[in-house]
């Protein structure tokens, strides 16, 4: 694999694609760095520095889409997850060997009207990371591996982000994907398609 010295926009978009490999929901487009897997990543950049990153995944402590539909979790081990092939009464944690803290869980996608609502989108997670660190995204750019949905577009606009660069088109929830470009245009935000074709030799 060979990657030439890149321009800044390619550099930040590659970062977004790397962040996407942390995704725990496969409802997004195919990953650039891991063909066959799916997910979305985002990086918020201000003054040529990363101030927030995010990928599509569940809130901390919640079950993931990539978890088995039914599994067991040990609360003593703080989230060690495993599947079983026998009765629940006989289950004990293979790490700490306790059974009192083992609980039955349900993972997988949480679907509503054909869309998974279990996870937080990558753009929203990146914005929340800015909020948690006390860093304002006003005047920044966001690089995202897939075009934002309508909800994320509204949050991007409200946060004061001035430019959106995305790696691929992705049709998202509510059938509103075709309205996102108009929303950004009405708000004076520059939207630029930044594919990764030919970046890696």
C-alpha atoms as a PDB file:
ATOM      1  CA  UNK A   1       0.000   0.000   0.000  1.00  0.00           C
ATOM      2  CA  UNK A   2       1.345   3.411  -0.948  1.00  0.00           C
ATOM      3  CA  UNK A   3      -0.109   6.758   0.127  1.00  0.00           C
ATOM      4  CA  UNK A   4       1.577   9.856  -1.319  1.00  0.00           C
ATOM      5  CA  UNK A   5       2.003  13.049   0.709  1.00  0.00           C
ATOM      6  CA  UNK A   6      -1.534  14.388   0.703  1.00  0.00           C
ATOM      7  CA  UNK A   7      -3.158  17.788   0.638  1.00  0.00           C
ATOM      8  CA  UNK A   8      -4.947  18.805   3.837  1.00  0.00           C
ATOM      9  CA  UNK A   9      -8.457  17.971   2.616  1.00  0.00           C
ATOM     10  CA  UNK A  10      -7.396  14.438   1.656  1.00  0.00           C
ATOM     11  CA  UNK A  11      -5.559  14.095   4.969  1.00  0.00           C
ATOM     12  CA  UNK A  12      -8.649  14.944   7.013  1.00  0.00           C
ATOM     13  CA  UNK A  13     -10.932  12.786   4.879  1.00  0.00           C
ATOM     14  CA  UNK A  14      -8.565   9.842   5.383  1.00  0.00           C
ATOM     15  CA  UNK A  15      -8.823  10.517   9.119  1.00  0.00           C
ATOM     16  CA  UNK A  16     -12.622  10.344   8.861  1.00  0.00           C
ATOM     17  CA  UNK A  17     -12.383   7.017   7.029  1.00  0.00           C
ATOM     18  CA  UNK A  18     -10.076   5.688   9.751  1.00  0.00           C
ATOM     19  CA  UNK A  19     -12.517   6.826  12.461  1.00  0.00           C
ATOM     20  CA  UNK A  20     -15.281   4.952  10.602  1.00  0.00           C
ATOM     21  CA  UNK A  21     -13.533   1.647  11.353  1.00  0.00           C
ATOM     22  CA  UNK A  22     -14.745   2.079  14.969  1.00  0.00           C
ATOM     23  CA  UNK A  23     -18.403   1.990  13.857  1.00  0.00           C
ATOM     24  CA  UNK A  24     -20.659  -0.506  15.612  1.00  0.00           C
ATOM     25  CA  UNK A  25     -23.642  -0.091  13.269  1.00  0.00           C
ATOM     26  CA  UNK A  26     -23.378  -1.431   9.727  1.00  0.00           C
ATOM     27  CA  UNK A  27     -26.239   0.588   8.256  1.00  0.00           C
ATOM     28  CA  UNK A  28     -23.854   2.991   6.523  1.00  0.00           C
ATOM     29  CA  UNK A  29     -21.822   2.610   3.317  1.00  0.00           C
ATOM     30  CA  UNK A  30     -18.902   0.228   2.871  1.00  0.00           C
ATOM     31  CA  UNK A  31     -15.741   1.210   4.749  1.00  0.00           C
ATOM     32  CA  UNK A  32     -12.822   2.539   2.733  1.00  0.00           C
ATOM     33  CA  UNK A  33     -10.219   0.787   4.914  1.00  0.00           C
ATOM     34  CA  UNK A  34     -12.109  -2.484   5.501  1.00  0.00           C
ATOM     35  CA  UNK A  35     -14.044  -3.659   2.455  1.00  0.00           C
ATOM     36  CA  UNK A  36     -17.099  -5.685   3.370  1.00  0.00           C
ATOM     37  CA  UNK A  37     -17.751  -3.812   6.625  1.00  0.00           C
ATOM     38  CA  UNK A  38     -20.001  -0.772   6.832  1.00  0.00           C
ATOM     39  CA  UNK A  39     -20.071   2.394   8.930  1.00  0.00           C
ATOM     40  CA  UNK A  40     -19.575   6.158   8.964  1.00  0.00           C
ATOM     41  CA  UNK A  41     -16.893   8.409  10.453  1.00  0.00           C
ATOM     42  CA  UNK A  42     -16.569  12.175  10.898  1.00  0.00           C
ATOM     43  CA  UNK A  43     -13.836  14.641  11.862  1.00  0.00           C
ATOM     44  CA  UNK A  44     -14.386  18.296  12.793  1.00  0.00           C
ATOM     45  CA  UNK A  45     -11.429  20.520  11.908  1.00  0.00           C
ATOM     46  CA  UNK A  46     -10.720  24.071  13.040  1.00  0.00           C
ATOM     47  CA  UNK A  47      -7.554  26.017  12.209  1.00  0.00           C
ATOM     48  CA  UNK A  48      -6.210  22.808  10.648  1.00  0.00           C
ATOM     49  CA  UNK A  49      -6.534  20.885  13.914  1.00  0.00           C
ATOM     50  CA  UNK A  50      -8.948  18.102  14.781  1.00  0.00           C
ATOM     51  CA  UNK A  51     -11.336  19.223  17.524  1.00  0.00           C
ATOM     52  CA  UNK A  52     -13.815  16.349  17.407  1.00  0.00           C
ATOM     53  CA  UNK A  53     -14.252  12.886  15.931  1.00  0.00           C
ATOM     54  CA  UNK A  54     -17.210  10.540  15.825  1.00  0.00           C
ATOM     55  CA  UNK A  55     -18.461   7.286  14.375  1.00  0.00           C
ATOM     56  CA  UNK A  56     -21.923   5.774  14.274  1.00  0.00           C
ATOM     57  CA  UNK A  57     -22.427   3.777  17.434  1.00  0.00           C
ATOM     58  CA  UNK A  58     -24.543   3.357  20.535  1.00  0.00           C
ATOM     59  CA  UNK A  59     -24.310   5.659  23.590  1.00  0.00           C
ATOM     60  CA  UNK A  60     -21.749   4.575  26.228  1.00  0.00           C
ATOM     61  CA  UNK A  61     -22.933   1.505  28.107  1.00  0.00           C
ATOM     62  CA  UNK A  62     -25.713   0.684  25.631  1.00  0.00           C
ATOM     63  CA  UNK A  63     -25.827  -2.440  23.492  1.00  0.00           C
ATOM     64  CA  UNK A  64     -24.455  -2.234  19.952  1.00  0.00           C
ATOM     65  CA  UNK A  65     -25.977  -3.177  16.621  1.00  0.00           C
ATOM     66  CA  UNK A  66     -23.014  -5.495  16.107  1.00  0.00           C
ATOM     67  CA  UNK A  67     -23.821  -7.385  19.334  1.00  0.00           C
ATOM     68  CA  UNK A  68     -25.609 -10.720  18.863  1.00  0.00           C
ATOM     69  CA  UNK A  69     -29.403 -10.537  18.922  1.00  0.00           C
ATOM     70  CA  UNK A  70     -29.285 -12.363  22.258  1.00  0.00           C
ATOM     71  CA  UNK A  71     -26.219 -12.515  24.499  1.00  0.00           C
ATOM     72  CA  UNK A  72     -25.152 -12.454  28.126  1.00  0.00           C
ATOM     73  CA  UNK A  73     -23.168  -9.748  29.877  1.00  0.00           C
ATOM     74  CA  UNK A  74     -21.372  -9.794  33.218  1.00  0.00           C
ATOM     75  CA  UNK A  75     -21.838  -6.605  35.198  1.00  0.00           C
ATOM     76  CA  UNK A  76     -18.863  -7.485  37.404  1.00  0.00           C
ATOM     77  CA  UNK A  77     -16.523  -7.426  34.380  1.00  0.00           C
ATOM     78  CA  UNK A  78     -17.912  -4.093  33.172  1.00  0.00           C
ATOM     79  CA  UNK A  79     -19.310  -5.252  29.875  1.00  0.00           C
ATOM     80  CA  UNK A  80     -17.581  -8.486  28.962  1.00  0.00           C
ATOM     81  CA  UNK A  81     -20.035 -10.012  26.477  1.00  0.00           C
ATOM     82  CA  UNK A  82     -20.479 -13.641  25.466  1.00  0.00           C
ATOM     83  CA  UNK A  83     -23.010 -15.982  23.928  1.00  0.00           C
ATOM     84  CA  UNK A  84     -24.167 -19.265  25.407  1.00  0.00           C
ATOM     85  CA  UNK A  85     -25.613 -22.487  24.065  1.00  0.00           C
ATOM     86  CA  UNK A  86     -27.238 -23.785  27.236  1.00  0.00           C
ATOM     87  CA  UNK A  87     -29.797 -22.638  29.798  1.00  0.00           C
ATOM     88  CA  UNK A  88     -29.509 -19.225  31.409  1.00  0.00           C
ATOM     89  CA  UNK A  89     -29.533 -20.744  34.908  1.00  0.00           C
ATOM     90  CA  UNK A  90     -26.185 -22.430  34.227  1.00  0.00           C
ATOM     91  CA  UNK A  91     -24.383 -19.335  32.957  1.00  0.00           C
ATOM     92  CA  UNK A  92     -21.371 -17.970  34.781  1.00  0.00           C
ATOM     93  CA  UNK A  93     -18.879 -15.423  33.529  1.00  0.00           C
ATOM     94  CA  UNK A  94     -15.800 -17.054  31.958  1.00  0.00           C
ATOM     95  CA  UNK A  95     -13.609 -14.228  33.295  1.00  0.00           C
ATOM     96  CA  UNK A  96     -14.631 -13.645  36.925  1.00  0.00           C
ATOM     97  CA  UNK A  97     -16.632 -16.877  37.315  1.00  0.00           C
ATOM     98  CA  UNK A  98     -19.619 -15.165  38.918  1.00  0.00           C
ATOM     99  CA  UNK A  99     -23.195 -15.863  37.930  1.00  0.00           C
ATOM    100  CA  UNK A 100     -25.125 -13.345  40.044  1.00  0.00           C
ATOM    101  CA  UNK A 101     -23.995 -10.471  37.830  1.00  0.00           C
ATOM    102  CA  UNK A 102     -24.759 -12.205  34.536  1.00  0.00           C
ATOM    103  CA  UNK A 103     -27.755 -10.734  32.751  1.00  0.00           C
ATOM    104  CA  UNK A 104     -29.531 -11.587  29.511  1.00  0.00           C
ATOM    105  CA  UNK A 105     -29.293  -8.813  26.884  1.00  0.00           C
ATOM    106  CA  UNK A 106     -30.664  -8.018  23.465  1.00  0.00           C
ATOM    107  CA  UNK A 107     -28.415  -6.479  20.825  1.00  0.00           C
ATOM    108  CA  UNK A 108     -28.697  -6.059  17.080  1.00  0.00           C
ATOM    109  CA  UNK A 109     -30.382  -3.275  15.176  1.00  0.00           C
ATOM    110  CA  UNK A 110     -33.291  -1.366  16.716  1.00  0.00           C
ATOM    111  CA  UNK A 111     -35.398  -0.726  13.629  1.00  0.00           C
ATOM    112  CA  UNK A 112     -38.123   1.931  13.263  1.00  0.00           C
ATOM    113  CA  UNK A 113     -39.710   2.518   9.854  1.00  0.00           C
ATOM    114  CA  UNK A 114     -36.860   0.703   8.128  1.00  0.00           C
ATOM    115  CA  UNK A 115     -34.104   2.656   9.887  1.00  0.00           C
ATOM    116  CA  UNK A 116     -31.892   1.755  12.827  1.00  0.00           C
ATOM    117  CA  UNK A 117     -32.360   4.176  15.729  1.00  0.00           C
ATOM    118  CA  UNK A 118     -30.057   2.441  18.237  1.00  0.00           C
ATOM    119  CA  UNK A 119     -26.973   4.471  17.325  1.00  0.00           C
ATOM    120  CA  UNK A 120     -25.882   8.093  17.341  1.00  0.00           C
ATOM    121  CA  UNK A 121     -24.668   9.237  13.928  1.00  0.00           C
ATOM    122  CA  UNK A 122     -20.993  10.047  13.404  1.00  0.00           C
ATOM    123  CA  UNK A 123     -21.529  13.775  12.841  1.00  0.00           C
ATOM    124  CA  UNK A 124     -23.592  14.070  16.013  1.00  0.00           C
ATOM    125  CA  UNK A 125     -20.976  12.132  18.001  1.00  0.00           C
ATOM    126  CA  UNK A 126     -18.255  14.473  16.733  1.00  0.00           C
ATOM    127  CA  UNK A 127     -20.317  17.508  17.767  1.00  0.00           C
ATOM    128  CA  UNK A 128     -20.980  15.973  21.191  1.00  0.00           C
ATOM    129  CA  UNK A 129     -17.253  15.379  21.629  1.00  0.00           C
ATOM    130  CA  UNK A 130     -16.698  19.099  21.015  1.00  0.00           C
ATOM    131  CA  UNK A 131     -19.333  19.889  23.643  1.00  0.00           C
ATOM    132  CA  UNK A 132     -17.782  17.539  26.204  1.00  0.00           C
ATOM    133  CA  UNK A 133     -14.347  19.090  25.717  1.00  0.00           C
ATOM    134  CA  UNK A 134     -15.709  22.645  25.806  1.00  0.00           C
ATOM    135  CA  UNK A 135     -14.467  23.400  22.268  1.00  0.00           C
ATOM    136  CA  UNK A 136     -16.686  25.477  20.005  1.00  0.00           C
ATOM    137  CA  UNK A 137     -17.068  24.142  16.453  1.00  0.00           C
ATOM    138  CA  UNK A 138     -18.154  27.564  15.169  1.00  0.00           C
ATOM    139  CA  UNK A 139     -16.240  28.413  11.993  1.00  0.00           C
ATOM    140  CA  UNK A 140     -14.953  24.859  11.540  1.00  0.00           C
ATOM    141  CA  UNK A 141     -15.209  22.271   8.756  1.00  0.00           C
ATOM    142  CA  UNK A 142     -16.570  18.746   9.038  1.00  0.00           C
ATOM    143  CA  UNK A 143     -15.261  15.812   7.014  1.00  0.00           C
ATOM    144  CA  UNK A 144     -17.653  12.874   6.925  1.00  0.00           C
ATOM    145  CA  UNK A 145     -17.397   9.633   4.998  1.00  0.00           C
ATOM    146  CA  UNK A 146     -21.073   9.763   3.952  1.00  0.00           C
ATOM    147  CA  UNK A 147     -23.437  12.612   3.182  1.00  0.00           C
ATOM    148  CA  UNK A 148     -25.207  13.800   6.369  1.00  0.00           C
ATOM    149  CA  UNK A 149     -28.828  12.981   7.124  1.00  0.00           C
ATOM    150  CA  UNK A 150     -31.348  15.767   7.671  1.00  0.00           C
ATOM    151  CA  UNK A 151     -31.060  15.664  11.478  1.00  0.00           C
ATOM    152  CA  UNK A 152     -27.256  15.846  11.404  1.00  0.00           C
ATOM    153  CA  UNK A 153     -27.418  18.633   8.824  1.00  0.00           C
ATOM    154  CA  UNK A 154     -29.569  20.702  11.184  1.00  0.00           C
ATOM    155  CA  UNK A 155     -27.093  20.124  14.035  1.00  0.00           C
ATOM    156  CA  UNK A 156     -24.141  21.024  11.788  1.00  0.00           C
ATOM    157  CA  UNK A 157     -25.812  24.291  10.831  1.00  0.00           C
ATOM    158  CA  UNK A 158     -26.719  25.144  14.442  1.00  0.00           C
ATOM    159  CA  UNK A 159     -23.155  24.446  15.586  1.00  0.00           C
ATOM    160  CA  UNK A 160     -21.803  27.092  13.211  1.00  0.00           C
ATOM    161  CA  UNK A 161     -19.850  24.765  10.935  1.00  0.00           C
ATOM    162  CA  UNK A 162     -19.123  26.539   7.647  1.00  0.00           C
ATOM    163  CA  UNK A 163     -18.056  23.721   5.322  1.00  0.00           C
ATOM    164  CA  UNK A 164     -19.041  20.082   4.829  1.00  0.00           C
ATOM    165  CA  UNK A 165     -16.912  17.626   2.865  1.00  0.00           C
ATOM    166  CA  UNK A 166     -18.251  14.134   2.357  1.00  0.00           C
ATOM    167  CA  UNK A 167     -16.839  10.987   0.779  1.00  0.00           C
ATOM    168  CA  UNK A 168     -19.922   9.338  -0.713  1.00  0.00           C
ATOM    169  CA  UNK A 169     -23.648   9.828  -1.201  1.00  0.00           C
ATOM    170  CA  UNK A 170     -25.829   7.914   1.233  1.00  0.00           C
ATOM    171  CA  UNK A 171     -29.612   7.892   1.231  1.00  0.00           C
ATOM    172  CA  UNK A 172     -30.725   8.230   4.830  1.00  0.00           C
ATOM    173  CA  UNK A 173     -33.823   8.367   6.980  1.00  0.00           C
ATOM    174  CA  UNK A 174     -37.203  10.027   6.405  1.00  0.00           C
ATOM    175  CA  UNK A 175     -36.687  10.180   2.637  1.00  0.00           C
ATOM    176  CA  UNK A 176     -35.200  13.638   3.275  1.00  0.00           C
ATOM    177  CA  UNK A 177     -31.725  13.048   1.815  1.00  0.00           C
ATOM    178  CA  UNK A 178     -32.595  15.056  -1.293  1.00  0.00           C
ATOM    179  CA  UNK A 179     -33.513  18.036   0.916  1.00  0.00           C
ATOM    180  CA  UNK A 180     -30.184  18.224   2.772  1.00  0.00           C
ATOM    181  CA  UNK A 181     -28.377  20.068  -0.039  1.00  0.00           C
ATOM    182  CA  UNK A 182     -31.109  22.736  -0.081  1.00  0.00           C
ATOM    183  CA  UNK A 183     -30.902  23.083   3.697  1.00  0.00           C
ATOM    184  CA  UNK A 184     -27.139  23.646   3.564  1.00  0.00           C
ATOM    185  CA  UNK A 185     -27.458  26.034   0.610  1.00  0.00           C
ATOM    186  CA  UNK A 186     -30.108  28.125   2.363  1.00  0.00           C
ATOM    187  CA  UNK A 187     -27.776  28.373   5.373  1.00  0.00           C
ATOM    188  CA  UNK A 188     -24.774  29.459   3.307  1.00  0.00           C
ATOM    189  CA  UNK A 189     -22.726  26.341   4.052  1.00  0.00           C
ATOM    190  CA  UNK A 190     -20.307  25.067   1.411  1.00  0.00           C
ATOM    191  CA  UNK A 191     -20.786  21.368   0.599  1.00  0.00           C
ATOM    192  CA  UNK A 192     -18.032  19.567  -1.309  1.00  0.00           C
ATOM    193  CA  UNK A 193     -17.871  15.982  -2.541  1.00  0.00           C
ATOM    194  CA  UNK A 194     -14.459  14.510  -1.659  1.00  0.00           C
ATOM    195  CA  UNK A 195     -14.126  10.896  -2.903  1.00  0.00           C
ATOM    196  CA  UNK A 196     -11.036   8.827  -2.154  1.00  0.00           C
ATOM    197  CA  UNK A 197     -10.589   7.374  -5.640  1.00  0.00           C
ATOM    198  CA  UNK A 198      -6.913   6.953  -6.498  1.00  0.00           C
ATOM    199  CA  UNK A 199      -5.573   8.154  -3.144  1.00  0.00           C
ATOM    200  CA  UNK A 200      -4.073   4.786  -2.210  1.00  0.00           C
ATOM    201  CA  UNK A 201      -2.025   2.951  -4.831  1.00  0.00           C
END
